[in-house]
Amino acid sequence: MKVIAEPPTRSEREVPSRPVVRRRRPLPGGRAVFGGFLVAVAVVGTVAAQQAASGPPKTRYVVAGAPLLAGRAIRADDLTTRAVDLPEPLARRAYQDPGSLVGRVLAATVAPGELVQGSALAQRGPVPGEREVSFTADPARSLGQRIAPGDLVDVYATSGQGEGGRTAAVVRSVRVIDRQGRDGGGAFIFTVALSAPDDVQSLVAAAAAGSLTVVRTTAVQPIRSGG
């Protein structure tokens, strides 16, 4: 049997469909906004408290008070200190006591305000292949206490007296690795590093034969040893 659907009546066609109503997400209320503000204030306060607790830097490190040129020995008035926070690797290479650097020779130029680090200082001890030789020199013939470990020096020997005396260079531009106080005879004891065996022989012979004079040449272009 065939079923025929009846068409909708007029009243059914005129009934409009109902619109779909979607509720908007409500904005945060005043209480929620105020709560978020309190959280932000608490975070800022915590950070400020941590900074206040740590305070300003307390450790003072040695810095150059003036331009320090490579090749010269450091004087006390060349240095000053500055309070600064340094990371551990850098702090290990910095110095806190200016007195420990006085007399050291600079291997590199240091600008004013720059940290004085170990890498800027000339080596004190001998390097592989160098020989250590000690000799004595009177303070009047060795600049008193101005020569320090790291300085470069020329050593002259004087034999004879008066018009018959003779002075000649024994070694040139050798590095001082130690200087001790006066011995029993009132002289300084210098230890220098020599690389050439001939220089060792010349210096030992000169020290045994006559008086020696030490000339500081740290700021002078090195000269080949041998006179």
Protein backbone atom coordinates (compact mmCIF):
# COMPACT_ATOMS: atom_id res chain seq x y z
CA MET A 1 0.00 0.00 0.00
CA LYS A 2 1.38 3.39 -0.96
CA VAL A 3 1.46 5.98 1.78
CA ILE A 4 1.18 9.59 0.80
CA ALA A 5 2.40 12.13 3.32
CA GLU A 6 0.06 14.98 3.87
CA PRO A 7 1.54 18.46 3.34
CA PRO A 8 1.93 20.64 6.43
CA THR A 9 -0.92 22.85 7.26
CA ARG A 10 -0.65 26.62 7.08
CA SER A 11 -0.40 27.01 10.80
CA GLU A 12 2.52 24.61 10.95
CA ARG A 13 4.37 26.48 8.19
CA GLU A 14 3.98 29.80 9.98
CA VAL A 15 5.49 28.65 13.30
CA PRO A 16 9.09 30.06 13.35
CA SER A 17 12.00 27.94 14.62
CA ARG A 18 13.37 28.91 18.05
CA PRO A 19 16.80 30.67 18.06
CA VAL A 20 19.65 28.92 19.86
CA VAL A 21 20.86 30.98 22.82
CA ARG A 22 24.55 30.54 23.88
CA ARG A 23 25.66 31.83 27.25
CA ARG A 24 28.81 33.93 27.22
CA ARG A 25 31.71 32.96 29.50
CA PRO A 26 31.53 35.29 32.46
CA LEU A 27 34.41 37.71 33.04
CA PRO A 28 36.41 37.23 36.25
CA GLY A 29 34.81 38.95 39.13
CA GLY A 30 36.34 41.59 41.29
CA ARG A 31 37.34 39.07 43.93
CA ALA A 32 39.32 36.96 41.41
CA VAL A 33 41.08 40.03 40.01
CA PHE A 34 42.03 41.18 43.47
CA GLY A 35 43.34 37.72 44.31
CA GLY A 36 45.59 37.71 41.24
CA PHE A 37 46.91 41.11 42.19
CA LEU A 38 47.83 39.83 45.65
CA VAL A 39 49.74 36.91 44.10
CA ALA A 40 51.74 39.26 41.86
CA VAL A 41 52.56 41.51 44.81
CA ALA A 42 53.73 38.47 46.79
CA VAL A 43 56.11 37.38 44.00
CA VAL A 44 57.62 40.86 43.66
CA GLY A 45 58.02 41.08 47.42
CA THR A 46 59.82 37.73 47.55
CA VAL A 47 62.31 38.78 44.88
CA ALA A 48 62.94 42.11 46.60
CA ALA A 49 63.47 40.36 49.94
CA GLN A 50 66.04 38.02 48.41
CA GLN A 51 67.93 40.93 46.87
CA ALA A 52 67.84 42.85 50.15
CA ALA A 53 69.09 39.80 52.05
CA SER A 54 72.07 39.31 49.72
CA GLY A 55 72.92 43.02 49.84
CA PRO A 56 75.61 44.79 47.82
CA PRO A 57 78.87 42.97 46.90
CA LYS A 58 81.13 42.50 49.92
CA THR A 59 84.27 40.93 48.44
CA ARG A 60 86.81 43.41 47.10
CA TYR A 61 89.14 42.44 44.26
CA VAL A 62 92.29 44.12 42.95
CA VAL A 63 91.84 46.30 39.86
CA ALA A 64 94.20 48.59 37.99
CA GLY A 65 94.05 52.18 39.21
CA ALA A 66 95.89 53.43 36.11
CA PRO A 67 96.98 52.02 32.74
CA LEU A 68 99.46 49.20 33.44
CA LEU A 69 101.72 48.47 30.50
CA ALA A 70 103.15 45.06 29.73
CA GLY A 71 106.77 44.59 30.73
CA ARG A 72 106.79 46.76 33.83
CA ALA A 73 106.76 45.83 37.50
CA ILE A 74 103.64 46.69 39.51
CA ARG A 75 103.92 49.42 42.17
CA ALA A 76 101.67 49.83 45.19
CA ASP A 77 100.09 53.03 43.82
CA ASP A 78 99.17 51.25 40.57
CA LEU A 79 96.44 49.24 42.27
CA THR A 80 93.12 49.73 44.01
CA THR A 81 90.25 47.46 45.02
CA ARG A 82 86.58 47.30 44.06
CA ALA A 83 83.67 45.39 45.58
CA VAL A 84 82.14 43.15 42.94
CA ASP A 85 80.37 39.80 42.64
CA LEU A 86 82.38 37.43 40.45
CA PRO A 87 81.47 33.95 39.22
CA GLU A 88 83.58 31.24 40.79
CA PRO A 89 85.88 30.55 37.78
CA LEU A 90 86.75 34.25 37.48
CA ALA A 91 87.12 34.75 41.24
CA ARG A 92 89.79 32.03 41.35
CA ARG A 93 91.93 34.00 38.88
CA ALA A 94 91.50 37.36 40.65
CA TYR A 95 93.35 38.76 43.68
CA GLN A 96 92.11 40.34 46.89
CA ASP A 97 95.40 41.55 48.39
CA PRO A 98 97.16 44.33 46.42
CA GLY A 99 100.36 43.76 48.38
CA SER A 100 100.75 40.28 46.90
CA LEU A 101 101.12 41.82 43.42
CA VAL A 102 103.62 44.57 44.15
CA GLY A 103 106.84 43.83 42.26
CA ARG A 104 105.25 41.35 39.88
CA VAL A 105 105.89 42.00 36.21
CA LEU A 106 103.04 42.32 33.74
CA ALA A 107 102.92 40.02 30.76
CA ALA A 108 99.93 41.91 29.29
CA THR A 109 98.58 45.46 29.45
CA VAL A 110 95.78 46.05 31.97
CA ALA A 111 93.33 48.93 31.47
CA PRO A 112 92.19 51.20 34.34
CA GLY A 113 89.42 49.55 36.36
CA GLU A 114 90.16 46.12 34.89
CA LEU A 115 90.70 43.13 37.15
CA VAL A 116 94.32 42.10 37.59
CA GLN A 117 94.31 38.36 36.90
CA GLY A 118 96.98 35.71 36.97
CA SER A 119 97.02 35.51 33.18
CA ALA A 120 98.29 39.13 33.04
CA LEU A 121 101.38 38.39 35.15
CA ALA A 122 104.77 37.13 34.00
CA GLN A 123 105.76 33.70 35.19
CA ARG A 124 107.93 33.66 38.30
CA GLY A 125 109.52 30.24 38.22
CA PRO A 126 111.69 28.63 35.56
CA VAL A 127 110.17 27.08 32.46
CA PRO A 128 111.26 23.74 30.99
CA GLY A 129 114.79 23.98 29.60
CA GLU A 130 115.91 26.80 31.92
CA ARG A 131 118.63 26.53 34.56
CA GLU A 132 118.56 28.33 37.89
CA VAL A 133 121.70 30.14 39.02
CA SER A 134 122.16 32.20 42.20
CA PHE A 135 124.63 35.01 42.85
CA THR A 136 125.05 37.86 45.28
CA ALA A 137 125.12 41.58 44.57
CA ASP A 138 125.52 44.56 46.84
CA PRO A 139 122.31 46.63 47.27
CA ALA A 140 124.14 49.69 45.93
CA ARG A 141 124.86 47.74 42.74
CA SER A 142 121.39 46.18 42.37
CA LEU A 143 118.91 49.08 42.79
CA GLY A 144 118.22 48.32 46.43
CA GLN A 145 114.88 46.52 46.70
CA ARG A 146 113.44 47.67 43.36
CA ILE A 147 114.23 44.45 41.51
CA ALA A 148 111.61 41.77 42.07
CA PRO A 149 110.83 38.27 40.77
CA GLY A 150 109.74 38.48 37.15
CA ASP A 151 112.02 41.41 36.27
CA LEU A 152 114.50 41.16 33.42
CA VAL A 153 118.08 42.17 34.24
CA ASP A 154 121.51 42.54 32.69
CA VAL A 155 124.42 41.42 34.86
CA TYR A 156 127.82 43.12 34.60
CA ALA A 157 131.08 41.97 36.19
CA THR A 158 133.86 44.32 37.26
CA SER A 159 137.36 43.03 37.76
CA GLY A 160 140.32 45.05 39.00
CA GLN A 161 140.28 48.56 40.41
CA GLY A 162 141.08 52.05 39.27
CA GLU A 163 142.23 52.65 35.74
CA GLY A 164 143.08 49.00 35.33
CA GLY A 165 139.58 47.86 36.18
CA ARG A 166 137.40 46.36 33.53
CA THR A 167 133.61 46.02 33.37
CA ALA A 168 131.84 43.76 30.89
CA ALA A 169 128.36 42.37 30.41
CA VAL A 170 128.06 38.76 31.52
CA VAL A 171 124.42 37.99 30.63
CA ARG A 172 121.63 40.14 29.24
CA SER A 173 117.86 40.13 29.60
CA VAL A 174 117.71 37.22 32.02
CA ARG A 175 114.68 36.74 34.20
CA VAL A 176 114.83 37.00 37.99
CA ILE A 177 112.85 34.20 39.61
CA ASP A 178 113.78 34.97 43.23
CA ARG A 179 115.43 37.63 45.35
CA GLN A 180 116.20 36.96 48.98
CA GLY A 181 117.09 39.40 51.71
CA ARG A 182 120.66 40.28 52.47
CA ASP A 183 123.05 37.51 53.37
CA GLY A 184 125.61 37.77 56.19
CA GLY A 185 127.75 40.07 54.08
CA GLY A 186 124.94 42.57 53.45
CA ALA A 187 124.30 41.52 49.83
CA PHE A 188 121.11 40.41 48.10
CA ILE A 189 120.88 36.86 46.79
CA PHE A 190 119.46 36.76 43.27
CA THR A 191 118.30 33.64 41.42
CA VAL A 192 117.96 33.93 37.66
CA ALA A 193 116.78 31.57 34.93
CA LEU A 194 119.22 30.85 32.10
CA SER A 195 118.63 28.74 29.02
CA ALA A 196 122.11 28.72 27.44
CA PRO A 197 124.84 26.62 29.13
CA ASP A 198 127.44 29.22 28.08
CA ASP A 199 125.55 31.88 30.02
CA VAL A 200 125.55 29.66 33.11
CA GLN A 201 129.33 29.20 32.87
CA SER A 202 129.94 32.92 32.32
CA LEU A 203 127.80 33.99 35.26
CA VAL A 204 129.29 31.43 37.65
CA ALA A 205 132.82 32.45 36.70
CA ALA A 206 132.04 36.17 37.01
CA ALA A 207 130.41 35.72 40.42
CA ALA A 208 133.52 33.92 41.67
CA ALA A 209 135.99 36.40 40.19
CA GLY A 210 134.64 39.86 40.98
CA SER A 211 131.77 42.09 42.03
CA LEU A 212 128.54 42.06 40.04
CA THR A 213 126.20 44.88 39.10
CA VAL A 214 122.54 44.16 38.29
CA VAL A 215 120.78 46.46 35.82
CA ARG A 216 117.00 46.26 35.55
CA THR A 217 115.90 46.03 31.89
CA THR A 218 112.29 44.95 32.24
CA ALA A 219 110.95 47.74 30.04
CA VAL A 220 113.74 47.43 27.46
CA GLN A 221 113.55 45.32 24.31
CA PRO A 222 115.35 42.05 25.18
CA ILE A 223 118.90 41.72 23.86
CA ARG A 224 120.49 38.47 22.85
CA SER A 225 122.66 37.09 25.65
CA GLY A 226 126.38 36.85 25.20
CA GLY A 227 127.52 40.37 25.43
